[in-house]
Amino acid sequence: MDDVGVYVHVPFCERVCPYCDFAVVAARTLSPRDEADYVAALLRELASRRDAFADRRLATIYLGGGTPSLLRPESVAEILAAVREAFPGEPEEVTLEVNPSTVERERLPHFRAAGVDRVSLGIQSFDDTTLRRLGRAHRAEEGRRTWAACRDAGFARLSLDLIVAAPGQDLAGVERDLGAALEAAPDHLSVYELTLEPGTPFGVAASQGRLATAEEEAAVAMLERVEARLVDAGFERYEISSYARPGAESRHNRRYWQRRPVLGLGMGAVSSDPPRPGRPHGSRRQNPRALGDYLELAAGRTEAAVESLTPEAARGEAVFLALRTRKGLDAAAFAREFGDPPRHFFPAAIDELGALGLLAEAEDGSLSLTARGRMLSDSVFERFV
């Protein structure tokens, strides 16, 4: 039986970080009424969308945001129960994103009782100065306490998020964060280079010369040091931003890189619908990024934006998503879907990127990023999309 992953987006945040470009809503306190209305909207959307993924086994559930751990455990339990009832099978992974805070620490045992078996903790840094510069609401000690609370609550699968190339951060600061992260002993780490998205406070400040950020050479040195230390500690860089101990890879996130179906629920959520007659490469469904508009959609009064993937768009996505992973793009699998191997469609890009030392092509035509290509991956990906 084919399977499906379910992503549930909870947009509420105590504070919106100045670098964040996600679909979020500032809510220092989430009222019971607003929470109940949003959960009801999620359940209505699930009921209206489940048929698009009919006859599929439930593989994974991921509650992201935003800050989904701002929801009461009772709400999380209600959402998980509805998803489980919508699809057969027991999910192999149920992840909840958590931010460090006293309220969320107290809820952790109840989240586990609700059915969450994996926590992704957004620590970002173990340095108070870096956290302040990033506009984070918590401080390092709160992050450590929340991490310990995750352990005490019995979560065996734990992931940490770190940001590198933050304003004012240097290589020594990255080294200290890595040391603290390894001391915490997660089985998974997501390490992101700070991205300055247009329209965010950081993006605007940078465009006006008011934000000092790391030069490209310094950022590359930081990312190289991250990889060296984590690999030496027994982690595998199985995707550009993701490191895991053997067997601890994020099963839900892997679905995106493998272009497998995902039902996205909630404000701003994106679904990857499976192929069907007339849409041989599937389709992408984008929910509104404004809360009021999403509630209208969930009530059935508006429609989501749906894009049927053309062969050209699907080929480009197949290449760059696979190249994000350590395994890279399998030429035979690509040819089975699109009729010919990657070189048939992208000969110039493959030759040029290979000459620059960014892309490796195997004898069978399979593609993978080189070590340098991983550091300059955006330059590689733009050649295929």
Foldseek 3Di string as FASTA:
>chain_A
DAAAEEEEEDAEACDDWLLDPALHDHDVAQDPVNLVLQLVLLLLVCVVCLVLVPPHAYAEYEYYYHAVLSDALVSVLVNVVSVPVSHDDDYPAYEHEHEQDPSSLVRLLSNVVSPHQEYEYELQALQQVLCVLRVHPDHNVSSVVSLVSNVVSPRPAYEYEHEPQGFPDALVRLVVRLVVVVVSPHQKYFYYYRDRDPPGNSVVCVVVVNTDTDDLVRRLVNLVVSQVVLVVVQWDQFFLGMTGHPPNDDPSVVCQLQLGWYHYTDAQTKTFRAADVVQPSTKIWTHHSDRVRSSCVSVVNDGTDMGRDDLLNSLLSNQLSQQRGQVHHDQVVSCVSNVHGPCVPQVPLQVVCVVVQQWDADPVGTIYGDSVVSSVVVVSSVSRD
